[in-house]
N, C-alpha and C. Protein backbone atom coordinates (compact mmCIF):
# COMPACT_ATOMS: atom_id res chain seq x y z
N MET A 1 31.97 43.89 -7.50
CA MET A 1 31.18 42.78 -8.02
C MET A 1 29.80 43.30 -8.44
N ASP A 2 29.36 42.91 -9.62
CA ASP A 2 28.07 43.36 -10.13
C ASP A 2 26.93 42.65 -9.44
N THR A 3 25.83 43.36 -9.24
CA THR A 3 24.63 42.78 -8.66
C THR A 3 23.89 42.02 -9.75
N PRO A 4 23.43 40.76 -9.48
CA PRO A 4 22.69 40.01 -10.50
C PRO A 4 21.43 40.77 -10.91
N VAL A 5 21.10 40.69 -12.20
CA VAL A 5 19.95 41.42 -12.74
C VAL A 5 19.02 40.44 -13.44
N ASP A 6 17.72 40.58 -13.17
CA ASP A 6 16.69 39.83 -13.89
C ASP A 6 15.85 40.84 -14.67
N ARG A 7 15.57 40.53 -15.93
CA ARG A 7 14.68 41.37 -16.72
C ARG A 7 13.25 40.89 -16.44
N ARG A 8 12.35 41.83 -16.24
CA ARG A 8 10.94 41.51 -15.98
C ARG A 8 10.10 41.94 -17.17
N HIS A 9 9.00 41.23 -17.41
CA HIS A 9 8.07 41.59 -18.49
C HIS A 9 7.02 42.55 -17.92
N SER A 10 7.41 43.78 -17.77
CA SER A 10 6.50 44.78 -17.18
C SER A 10 5.96 45.74 -18.22
N GLY A 11 6.25 45.47 -19.46
CA GLY A 11 5.84 46.40 -20.50
C GLY A 11 6.97 47.35 -20.83
N ASP A 12 7.88 47.59 -19.89
CA ASP A 12 9.04 48.45 -20.10
C ASP A 12 10.25 47.54 -20.34
N PRO A 13 10.75 47.48 -21.58
CA PRO A 13 11.86 46.56 -21.88
C PRO A 13 13.13 46.87 -21.11
N ASP A 14 13.22 48.09 -20.55
CA ASP A 14 14.42 48.44 -19.80
C ASP A 14 14.26 48.23 -18.29
N ALA A 15 13.08 47.78 -17.88
CA ALA A 15 12.85 47.56 -16.45
C ALA A 15 13.74 46.43 -15.95
N GLU A 16 14.32 46.63 -14.78
CA GLU A 16 15.19 45.61 -14.19
C GLU A 16 14.78 45.35 -12.76
N PHE A 17 15.03 44.12 -12.34
CA PHE A 17 14.80 43.73 -10.95
C PHE A 17 16.16 43.31 -10.40
N LEU A 18 16.62 43.97 -9.37
CA LEU A 18 17.91 43.63 -8.79
C LEU A 18 17.71 42.58 -7.70
N ARG A 19 18.39 41.45 -7.87
CA ARG A 19 18.32 40.40 -6.86
C ARG A 19 19.37 40.66 -5.79
N ARG A 20 19.03 40.35 -4.55
CA ARG A 20 19.99 40.51 -3.47
C ARG A 20 20.88 39.28 -3.34
N LEU A 21 20.41 38.15 -3.84
CA LEU A 21 21.17 36.90 -3.74
C LEU A 21 21.44 36.34 -5.12
N SER A 22 22.49 35.60 -5.24
CA SER A 22 22.77 34.92 -6.50
C SER A 22 21.72 33.84 -6.73
N ALA A 23 21.55 33.48 -7.99
CA ALA A 23 20.59 32.42 -8.34
C ALA A 23 20.98 31.12 -7.64
N PRO A 24 20.00 30.37 -7.17
CA PRO A 24 20.33 29.10 -6.51
C PRO A 24 20.98 28.13 -7.49
N ARG A 25 21.81 27.26 -6.97
CA ARG A 25 22.48 26.26 -7.79
C ARG A 25 22.02 24.89 -7.32
N GLY A 26 22.03 23.98 -8.21
CA GLY A 26 21.65 22.61 -7.87
C GLY A 26 22.10 21.69 -8.99
N GLN A 27 21.89 20.44 -8.79
CA GLN A 27 22.25 19.47 -9.81
C GLN A 27 21.11 19.30 -10.80
N LEU A 28 21.47 18.98 -12.02
CA LEU A 28 20.48 18.75 -13.06
C LEU A 28 20.40 17.25 -13.32
N THR A 29 19.19 16.71 -13.22
CA THR A 29 18.94 15.32 -13.53
C THR A 29 18.03 15.25 -14.75
N VAL A 30 18.40 14.44 -15.72
CA VAL A 30 17.61 14.29 -16.94
C VAL A 30 17.14 12.85 -17.02
N ALA A 31 15.83 12.65 -17.10
CA ALA A 31 15.27 11.32 -17.30
C ALA A 31 15.39 11.01 -18.79
N ALA A 32 15.95 9.85 -19.11
CA ALA A 32 16.23 9.58 -20.52
C ALA A 32 16.19 8.10 -20.85
N PHE A 33 15.56 7.78 -21.98
CA PHE A 33 15.65 6.47 -22.62
C PHE A 33 16.10 6.64 -24.07
N GLY A 34 15.56 7.66 -24.73
CA GLY A 34 15.83 7.88 -26.15
C GLY A 34 17.17 8.53 -26.41
N ASP A 35 17.65 8.37 -27.63
CA ASP A 35 18.98 8.86 -28.00
C ASP A 35 19.15 10.36 -27.81
N ARG A 36 18.15 11.15 -28.19
CA ARG A 36 18.29 12.61 -28.04
C ARG A 36 18.33 13.01 -26.57
N ALA A 37 17.49 12.40 -25.75
CA ALA A 37 17.49 12.71 -24.31
C ALA A 37 18.80 12.26 -23.68
N ILE A 38 19.33 11.13 -24.11
CA ILE A 38 20.62 10.65 -23.59
C ILE A 38 21.73 11.64 -23.95
N GLN A 39 21.68 12.19 -25.17
CA GLN A 39 22.69 13.17 -25.57
C GLN A 39 22.58 14.43 -24.72
N VAL A 40 21.36 14.88 -24.44
CA VAL A 40 21.17 16.05 -23.57
C VAL A 40 21.74 15.76 -22.19
N ALA A 41 21.45 14.57 -21.66
CA ALA A 41 21.99 14.20 -20.34
C ALA A 41 23.51 14.20 -20.37
N ALA A 42 24.10 13.63 -21.41
CA ALA A 42 25.57 13.57 -21.51
C ALA A 42 26.18 14.96 -21.60
N ASP A 43 25.50 15.87 -22.29
CA ASP A 43 26.03 17.22 -22.49
C ASP A 43 25.83 18.14 -21.30
N TYR A 44 24.72 17.99 -20.57
CA TYR A 44 24.37 19.00 -19.58
C TYR A 44 24.08 18.50 -18.17
N ALA A 45 23.78 17.24 -17.99
CA ALA A 45 23.27 16.78 -16.70
C ALA A 45 24.37 16.32 -15.75
N ASP A 46 24.03 16.34 -14.48
CA ASP A 46 24.87 15.75 -13.43
C ASP A 46 24.49 14.29 -13.23
N ARG A 47 23.28 13.94 -13.68
CA ARG A 47 22.76 12.58 -13.47
C ARG A 47 21.75 12.29 -14.57
N MET A 48 21.77 11.05 -15.06
CA MET A 48 20.74 10.58 -15.98
C MET A 48 19.90 9.57 -15.21
N LEU A 49 18.59 9.72 -15.29
CA LEU A 49 17.67 8.91 -14.51
C LEU A 49 16.88 7.95 -15.38
N LEU A 50 16.81 6.71 -14.92
CA LEU A 50 16.01 5.67 -15.55
C LEU A 50 14.91 5.28 -14.57
N ASP A 51 13.94 4.52 -15.04
CA ASP A 51 12.83 4.09 -14.19
C ASP A 51 12.34 2.75 -14.71
N LEU A 52 12.12 1.81 -13.79
CA LEU A 52 11.53 0.52 -14.15
C LEU A 52 12.34 -0.19 -15.24
N VAL A 53 13.59 -0.46 -14.96
CA VAL A 53 14.48 -1.08 -15.94
C VAL A 53 15.11 -2.36 -15.40
N THR A 54 15.54 -3.21 -16.31
CA THR A 54 16.27 -4.42 -15.96
C THR A 54 17.76 -4.09 -15.92
N PRO A 55 18.57 -4.93 -15.27
CA PRO A 55 20.02 -4.71 -15.31
C PRO A 55 20.56 -4.72 -16.74
N GLU A 56 20.01 -5.56 -17.59
CA GLU A 56 20.47 -5.60 -18.98
C GLU A 56 20.20 -4.27 -19.69
N GLN A 57 19.05 -3.68 -19.40
CA GLN A 57 18.73 -2.38 -19.99
C GLN A 57 19.65 -1.30 -19.43
N VAL A 58 19.98 -1.39 -18.15
CA VAL A 58 20.93 -0.44 -17.56
C VAL A 58 22.27 -0.54 -18.31
N ARG A 59 22.75 -1.75 -18.54
CA ARG A 59 24.03 -1.95 -19.25
C ARG A 59 23.97 -1.29 -20.63
N HIS A 60 22.89 -1.51 -21.35
CA HIS A 60 22.72 -0.94 -22.69
C HIS A 60 22.68 0.59 -22.64
N LEU A 61 21.92 1.14 -21.70
CA LEU A 61 21.80 2.59 -21.60
C LEU A 61 23.08 3.23 -21.08
N ARG A 62 23.80 2.55 -20.20
CA ARG A 62 25.11 3.04 -19.73
C ARG A 62 26.06 3.17 -20.92
N SER A 63 26.06 2.17 -21.79
CA SER A 63 26.91 2.21 -22.98
C SER A 63 26.54 3.39 -23.88
N LYS A 64 25.25 3.61 -24.08
CA LYS A 64 24.81 4.74 -24.90
C LYS A 64 25.22 6.07 -24.27
N LEU A 65 25.10 6.16 -22.94
CA LEU A 65 25.47 7.38 -22.23
C LEU A 65 26.96 7.66 -22.38
N GLU A 66 27.78 6.64 -22.22
CA GLU A 66 29.22 6.81 -22.35
C GLU A 66 29.60 7.20 -23.77
N THR A 67 28.95 6.61 -24.76
CA THR A 67 29.21 6.98 -26.15
C THR A 67 28.81 8.43 -26.39
N ALA A 68 27.65 8.83 -25.87
CA ALA A 68 27.18 10.21 -26.05
C ALA A 68 28.10 11.21 -25.36
N ALA A 69 28.70 10.82 -24.25
CA ALA A 69 29.59 11.71 -23.51
C ALA A 69 30.92 11.91 -24.24
N GLY A 70 31.27 10.97 -25.09
CA GLY A 70 32.53 11.10 -25.83
C GLY A 70 33.72 11.10 -24.90
N SER A 71 34.56 12.12 -25.02
CA SER A 71 35.78 12.18 -24.20
C SER A 71 35.56 12.76 -22.81
N GLN A 72 34.38 13.33 -22.56
CA GLN A 72 34.12 13.87 -21.22
C GLN A 72 33.55 12.79 -20.31
N ASP A 73 33.66 13.00 -19.02
CA ASP A 73 33.09 12.04 -18.07
C ASP A 73 31.57 12.06 -18.18
N PRO A 74 30.95 10.88 -18.25
CA PRO A 74 29.48 10.85 -18.31
C PRO A 74 28.89 11.21 -16.95
N PRO A 75 27.66 11.69 -16.94
CA PRO A 75 27.02 11.93 -15.65
C PRO A 75 26.74 10.62 -14.93
N LYS A 76 26.40 10.71 -13.65
CA LYS A 76 26.01 9.52 -12.90
C LYS A 76 24.76 8.92 -13.53
N LEU A 77 24.61 7.62 -13.37
CA LEU A 77 23.43 6.93 -13.87
C LEU A 77 22.64 6.42 -12.67
N ALA A 78 21.39 6.83 -12.59
CA ALA A 78 20.53 6.47 -11.46
C ALA A 78 19.24 5.83 -11.98
N ALA A 79 18.56 5.11 -11.10
CA ALA A 79 17.28 4.51 -11.47
C ALA A 79 16.33 4.51 -10.28
N TRP A 80 15.07 4.73 -10.58
CA TRP A 80 14.00 4.53 -9.62
C TRP A 80 13.52 3.11 -9.80
N LEU A 81 13.53 2.33 -8.73
CA LEU A 81 13.13 0.94 -8.82
C LEU A 81 12.12 0.59 -7.73
N PRO A 82 11.03 -0.10 -8.09
CA PRO A 82 10.11 -0.55 -7.06
C PRO A 82 10.83 -1.53 -6.15
N ALA A 83 10.49 -1.48 -4.86
CA ALA A 83 11.18 -2.33 -3.89
C ALA A 83 10.17 -2.93 -2.90
N ILE A 84 10.25 -4.25 -2.76
CA ILE A 84 9.42 -4.94 -1.77
C ILE A 84 10.21 -6.13 -1.23
N VAL A 85 10.46 -6.13 0.06
CA VAL A 85 11.09 -7.28 0.70
C VAL A 85 9.98 -8.21 1.18
N GLU A 86 10.11 -9.49 0.82
CA GLU A 86 9.11 -10.50 1.19
C GLU A 86 7.71 -9.98 0.88
N PRO A 87 7.41 -9.82 -0.40
CA PRO A 87 6.19 -9.12 -0.82
C PRO A 87 4.89 -9.86 -0.49
N SER A 88 3.92 -9.07 -0.14
CA SER A 88 2.56 -9.57 0.02
C SER A 88 1.88 -9.50 -1.36
N ALA A 89 0.77 -10.20 -1.50
CA ALA A 89 0.02 -10.16 -2.76
C ALA A 89 -0.44 -8.74 -3.07
N GLU A 90 -0.84 -8.01 -2.04
CA GLU A 90 -1.31 -6.63 -2.24
C GLU A 90 -0.17 -5.73 -2.73
N ALA A 91 1.01 -5.92 -2.18
CA ALA A 91 2.15 -5.11 -2.59
C ALA A 91 2.53 -5.40 -4.04
N ILE A 92 2.49 -6.66 -4.42
CA ILE A 92 2.77 -7.03 -5.81
C ILE A 92 1.74 -6.38 -6.73
N GLN A 93 0.46 -6.42 -6.35
CA GLN A 93 -0.59 -5.80 -7.17
C GLN A 93 -0.36 -4.30 -7.33
N GLN A 94 0.09 -3.65 -6.26
CA GLN A 94 0.35 -2.22 -6.32
C GLN A 94 1.45 -1.91 -7.35
N VAL A 95 2.52 -2.69 -7.33
CA VAL A 95 3.60 -2.46 -8.28
C VAL A 95 3.15 -2.80 -9.70
N MET A 96 2.37 -3.87 -9.84
CA MET A 96 1.84 -4.23 -11.17
C MET A 96 0.99 -3.08 -11.72
N ALA A 97 0.15 -2.47 -10.89
CA ALA A 97 -0.68 -1.35 -11.33
C ALA A 97 0.20 -0.16 -11.72
N HIS A 98 1.27 0.05 -10.98
CA HIS A 98 2.22 1.13 -11.30
C HIS A 98 2.83 0.89 -12.69
N ILE A 99 3.29 -0.32 -12.94
CA ILE A 99 3.86 -0.67 -14.24
C ILE A 99 2.81 -0.48 -15.33
N ALA A 100 1.60 -0.94 -15.08
CA ALA A 100 0.52 -0.84 -16.08
C ALA A 100 0.30 0.60 -16.53
N GLY A 101 0.48 1.54 -15.64
CA GLY A 101 0.28 2.95 -15.97
C GLY A 101 1.29 3.50 -16.97
N TYR A 102 2.39 2.81 -17.17
CA TYR A 102 3.45 3.29 -18.06
C TYR A 102 3.53 2.52 -19.38
N LEU A 103 2.67 1.53 -19.59
CA LEU A 103 2.81 0.63 -20.73
C LEU A 103 2.72 1.29 -22.10
N THR A 104 2.00 2.39 -22.23
CA THR A 104 1.85 3.02 -23.54
C THR A 104 2.70 4.28 -23.70
N ILE A 105 3.47 4.63 -22.70
CA ILE A 105 4.27 5.86 -22.78
C ILE A 105 5.54 5.59 -23.58
N GLY A 106 5.81 6.44 -24.56
CA GLY A 106 7.00 6.31 -25.38
C GLY A 106 8.25 6.19 -24.53
N GLY A 107 9.16 5.35 -24.93
CA GLY A 107 10.36 5.08 -24.15
C GLY A 107 10.12 3.90 -23.23
N TYR A 108 9.14 4.03 -22.36
CA TYR A 108 8.77 2.92 -21.48
C TYR A 108 8.24 1.75 -22.31
N ARG A 109 7.36 2.06 -23.24
CA ARG A 109 6.75 1.02 -24.07
C ARG A 109 7.82 0.11 -24.67
N GLU A 110 8.83 0.72 -25.28
CA GLU A 110 9.89 -0.06 -25.91
C GLU A 110 10.71 -0.84 -24.88
N MET A 111 10.96 -0.23 -23.76
CA MET A 111 11.72 -0.91 -22.69
C MET A 111 10.93 -2.11 -22.15
N PHE A 112 9.62 -1.93 -22.01
CA PHE A 112 8.79 -3.03 -21.51
C PHE A 112 8.68 -4.17 -22.51
N ILE A 113 8.62 -3.86 -23.78
CA ILE A 113 8.61 -4.91 -24.80
C ILE A 113 9.91 -5.70 -24.70
N ALA A 114 11.04 -4.99 -24.58
CA ALA A 114 12.34 -5.66 -24.46
C ALA A 114 12.43 -6.50 -23.18
N ALA A 115 11.70 -6.10 -22.15
CA ALA A 115 11.71 -6.84 -20.87
C ALA A 115 10.77 -8.04 -20.89
N GLY A 116 10.03 -8.22 -21.99
CA GLY A 116 9.12 -9.36 -22.11
C GLY A 116 7.67 -9.06 -21.78
N PHE A 117 7.30 -7.79 -21.77
CA PHE A 117 5.94 -7.39 -21.44
C PHE A 117 5.13 -7.03 -22.69
N GLY A 118 5.49 -7.56 -23.83
CA GLY A 118 4.87 -7.20 -25.10
C GLY A 118 3.37 -7.39 -25.14
N GLU A 119 2.88 -8.48 -24.56
CA GLU A 119 1.44 -8.73 -24.55
C GLU A 119 0.70 -7.63 -23.80
N ALA A 120 1.25 -7.24 -22.66
CA ALA A 120 0.61 -6.18 -21.86
C ALA A 120 0.66 -4.85 -22.60
N VAL A 121 1.77 -4.56 -23.29
CA VAL A 121 1.87 -3.32 -24.06
C VAL A 121 0.81 -3.30 -25.17
N ALA A 122 0.66 -4.41 -25.88
CA ALA A 122 -0.35 -4.49 -26.95
C ALA A 122 -1.75 -4.27 -26.39
N LYS A 123 -2.04 -4.87 -25.24
CA LYS A 123 -3.37 -4.67 -24.63
C LYS A 123 -3.57 -3.22 -24.22
N ALA A 124 -2.53 -2.62 -23.67
CA ALA A 124 -2.63 -1.20 -23.27
C ALA A 124 -2.89 -0.32 -24.47
N GLU A 125 -2.22 -0.59 -25.57
CA GLU A 125 -2.42 0.22 -26.77
C GLU A 125 -3.81 0.04 -27.36
N SER A 126 -4.46 -1.09 -27.06
CA SER A 126 -5.82 -1.30 -27.55
C SER A 126 -6.87 -0.71 -26.60
N GLY A 127 -6.42 -0.12 -25.50
CA GLY A 127 -7.33 0.54 -24.57
C GLY A 127 -7.83 -0.32 -23.43
N ALA A 128 -7.17 -1.43 -23.15
CA ALA A 128 -7.60 -2.33 -22.07
C ALA A 128 -7.57 -1.62 -20.71
N GLU A 129 -8.41 -2.08 -19.83
CA GLU A 129 -8.48 -1.54 -18.47
C GLU A 129 -7.29 -2.03 -17.64
N VAL A 130 -7.02 -1.34 -16.54
CA VAL A 130 -5.88 -1.65 -15.69
C VAL A 130 -5.89 -3.11 -15.23
N GLY A 131 -7.04 -3.62 -14.83
CA GLY A 131 -7.14 -5.02 -14.38
C GLY A 131 -6.69 -5.99 -15.46
N GLU A 132 -7.08 -5.72 -16.70
CA GLU A 132 -6.66 -6.58 -17.82
C GLU A 132 -5.16 -6.47 -18.06
N LEU A 133 -4.62 -5.27 -17.89
CA LEU A 133 -3.19 -5.06 -18.09
C LEU A 133 -2.38 -5.81 -17.05
N ILE A 134 -2.86 -5.76 -15.81
CA ILE A 134 -2.17 -6.48 -14.74
C ILE A 134 -2.17 -7.98 -15.03
N GLU A 135 -3.29 -8.48 -15.51
CA GLU A 135 -3.37 -9.91 -15.86
C GLU A 135 -2.44 -10.26 -17.02
N ALA A 136 -2.22 -9.33 -17.93
CA ALA A 136 -1.37 -9.58 -19.10
C ALA A 136 0.12 -9.50 -18.76
N LEU A 137 0.45 -8.82 -17.67
CA LEU A 137 1.86 -8.73 -17.26
C LEU A 137 2.32 -10.07 -16.70
N PRO A 138 3.59 -10.43 -16.93
CA PRO A 138 4.11 -11.64 -16.29
C PRO A 138 4.05 -11.48 -14.77
N VAL A 139 3.78 -12.56 -14.07
CA VAL A 139 3.69 -12.52 -12.61
C VAL A 139 4.97 -11.96 -11.99
N GLU A 140 6.09 -12.24 -12.62
CA GLU A 140 7.38 -11.79 -12.08
C GLU A 140 7.76 -10.38 -12.54
N ALA A 141 6.86 -9.64 -13.19
CA ALA A 141 7.18 -8.31 -13.71
C ALA A 141 7.81 -7.38 -12.67
N PRO A 142 7.28 -7.29 -11.44
CA PRO A 142 7.91 -6.39 -10.47
C PRO A 142 9.37 -6.76 -10.18
N ALA A 143 9.68 -8.05 -10.16
CA ALA A 143 11.06 -8.46 -9.91
C ALA A 143 11.94 -8.27 -11.14
N ILE A 144 11.35 -8.24 -12.31
CA ILE A 144 12.13 -8.04 -13.55
C ILE A 144 12.62 -6.60 -13.65
N VAL A 145 11.78 -5.64 -13.24
CA VAL A 145 12.15 -4.22 -13.36
C VAL A 145 12.31 -3.55 -11.99
N GLY A 146 12.61 -4.35 -10.98
CA GLY A 146 12.75 -3.78 -9.66
C GLY A 146 13.50 -4.68 -8.70
N LEU A 147 13.32 -4.38 -7.45
CA LEU A 147 13.99 -5.08 -6.36
C LEU A 147 12.90 -5.72 -5.49
N VAL A 148 12.53 -6.94 -5.84
CA VAL A 148 11.39 -7.60 -5.21
C VAL A 148 11.78 -9.03 -4.87
N GLY A 149 11.51 -9.43 -3.64
CA GLY A 149 11.78 -10.80 -3.22
C GLY A 149 12.33 -10.85 -1.81
N SER A 150 13.08 -11.91 -1.53
CA SER A 150 13.71 -12.05 -0.22
C SER A 150 14.89 -11.08 -0.13
N LYS A 151 15.42 -10.91 1.07
CA LYS A 151 16.60 -10.05 1.23
C LYS A 151 17.74 -10.55 0.36
N SER A 152 17.91 -11.85 0.31
CA SER A 152 18.97 -12.44 -0.50
C SER A 152 18.75 -12.16 -1.99
N ASP A 153 17.50 -12.32 -2.46
CA ASP A 153 17.17 -12.02 -3.86
C ASP A 153 17.51 -10.57 -4.19
N ILE A 154 17.15 -9.69 -3.29
CA ILE A 154 17.35 -8.26 -3.53
C ILE A 154 18.83 -7.91 -3.49
N GLU A 155 19.57 -8.51 -2.59
CA GLU A 155 21.01 -8.26 -2.53
C GLU A 155 21.68 -8.69 -3.84
N THR A 156 21.28 -9.86 -4.35
CA THR A 156 21.81 -10.34 -5.63
C THR A 156 21.45 -9.37 -6.74
N ARG A 157 20.23 -8.90 -6.72
CA ARG A 157 19.74 -7.98 -7.74
C ARG A 157 20.47 -6.63 -7.67
N LEU A 158 20.72 -6.14 -6.46
CA LEU A 158 21.46 -4.89 -6.30
C LEU A 158 22.85 -5.00 -6.93
N HIS A 159 23.51 -6.13 -6.71
CA HIS A 159 24.83 -6.35 -7.31
C HIS A 159 24.73 -6.39 -8.84
N ALA A 160 23.67 -7.00 -9.36
CA ALA A 160 23.48 -7.06 -10.81
C ALA A 160 23.32 -5.65 -11.39
N TYR A 161 22.55 -4.81 -10.73
CA TYR A 161 22.39 -3.42 -11.19
C TYR A 161 23.72 -2.67 -11.12
N GLY A 162 24.48 -2.89 -10.06
CA GLY A 162 25.78 -2.24 -9.93
C GLY A 162 26.75 -2.68 -11.02
N ARG A 163 26.81 -3.99 -11.28
CA ARG A 163 27.69 -4.50 -12.34
C ARG A 163 27.27 -3.98 -13.71
N ALA A 164 26.00 -3.70 -13.87
CA ALA A 164 25.49 -3.20 -15.15
C ALA A 164 25.83 -1.72 -15.37
N GLY A 165 26.26 -1.03 -14.31
CA GLY A 165 26.68 0.35 -14.47
C GLY A 165 25.83 1.39 -13.77
N LEU A 166 24.92 0.95 -12.91
CA LEU A 166 24.09 1.90 -12.17
C LEU A 166 24.89 2.47 -11.00
N ASP A 167 24.91 3.80 -10.88
CA ASP A 167 25.64 4.47 -9.80
C ASP A 167 24.78 4.70 -8.57
N GLU A 168 23.49 4.97 -8.80
CA GLU A 168 22.58 5.31 -7.71
C GLU A 168 21.24 4.63 -7.91
N ILE A 169 20.62 4.25 -6.80
CA ILE A 169 19.28 3.67 -6.85
C ILE A 169 18.38 4.45 -5.91
N ALA A 170 17.23 4.84 -6.42
CA ALA A 170 16.17 5.42 -5.59
C ALA A 170 15.10 4.35 -5.47
N ILE A 171 14.92 3.82 -4.27
CA ILE A 171 13.92 2.77 -4.11
C ILE A 171 12.54 3.41 -3.95
N VAL A 172 11.56 2.73 -4.51
CA VAL A 172 10.16 3.14 -4.41
C VAL A 172 9.45 2.00 -3.70
N PRO A 173 9.40 2.04 -2.36
CA PRO A 173 8.81 0.91 -1.63
C PRO A 173 7.30 0.84 -1.82
N ALA A 174 6.80 -0.37 -1.91
CA ALA A 174 5.34 -0.55 -1.94
C ALA A 174 4.78 -0.02 -0.63
N SER A 175 3.64 0.62 -0.70
CA SER A 175 3.09 1.27 0.49
C SER A 175 1.67 0.79 0.78
N THR A 176 1.41 -0.47 0.51
CA THR A 176 0.06 -0.99 0.72
C THR A 176 -0.31 -1.08 2.18
N ASP A 177 0.67 -1.36 3.01
CA ASP A 177 0.42 -1.43 4.45
C ASP A 177 1.71 -1.09 5.18
N GLU A 178 1.57 -0.67 6.41
CA GLU A 178 2.72 -0.24 7.19
C GLU A 178 3.76 -1.33 7.40
N PRO A 179 3.39 -2.57 7.76
CA PRO A 179 4.43 -3.58 7.97
C PRO A 179 5.27 -3.86 6.73
N THR A 180 4.65 -3.91 5.54
CA THR A 180 5.40 -4.19 4.32
C THR A 180 6.38 -3.06 4.03
N ALA A 181 5.93 -1.83 4.09
CA ALA A 181 6.79 -0.68 3.81
C ALA A 181 7.91 -0.60 4.84
N GLU A 182 7.58 -0.78 6.11
CA GLU A 182 8.61 -0.69 7.15
C GLU A 182 9.63 -1.80 7.01
N LYS A 183 9.17 -3.02 6.71
CA LYS A 183 10.08 -4.15 6.53
C LYS A 183 11.04 -3.87 5.37
N THR A 184 10.51 -3.33 4.30
CA THR A 184 11.34 -3.01 3.13
C THR A 184 12.37 -1.94 3.46
N LEU A 185 11.94 -0.87 4.10
CA LEU A 185 12.86 0.22 4.43
C LEU A 185 13.94 -0.24 5.41
N ARG A 186 13.55 -1.04 6.40
CA ARG A 186 14.55 -1.56 7.36
C ARG A 186 15.56 -2.45 6.65
N ALA A 187 15.10 -3.28 5.75
CA ALA A 187 16.01 -4.18 5.03
C ALA A 187 17.01 -3.39 4.18
N PHE A 188 16.52 -2.37 3.51
CA PHE A 188 17.41 -1.58 2.65
C PHE A 188 18.42 -0.79 3.45
N ARG A 189 18.09 -0.46 4.65
CA ARG A 189 19.05 0.25 5.50
C ARG A 189 20.32 -0.59 5.65
N PHE A 190 20.17 -1.89 5.67
CA PHE A 190 21.31 -2.79 5.86
C PHE A 190 21.87 -3.31 4.54
N LEU A 191 21.08 -3.27 3.47
CA LEU A 191 21.55 -3.79 2.19
C LEU A 191 22.39 -2.78 1.43
N LEU A 192 22.11 -1.51 1.60
CA LEU A 192 22.82 -0.48 0.80
C LEU A 192 24.05 0.02 1.53
């Protein structure tokens, strides 16, 4: 069996570094909203990752992923979603500020407009401050693109994401205070 070889930029084009171990292996995850990124995910990834999406957007992106995969099996579809069980006002504000930070980023911008956040996107593009952006977002924005509410609300929402084609969920719990984060994590232990 041949020993793996890495070429080094040492000035000598024939210089080699012999590794004692094979290169590490792992899964490839591609974050994607746009068509080209979705094609890359379909061709090469083990998982395609979304962030801050509605179940309807998951359904649409799942369809695009399956089309891009053609006759091969598509990669898993995963999403990072904000999560708050029985949210406090502070926890909601934290998630709203998180959303506000993504309003002008390509891919997110279009997804947020489709989710009904067009006014906030327009304000962000005009250079508005975070406080103004939070005010422009719908009050229910965290629940629209995440898992926010009572345990029952969240359980219903989890099923909606599953029916839409999501294979995996990475929850991003609000961390404004210990009781809120702990309550959320304990609830998800039993919901998932």
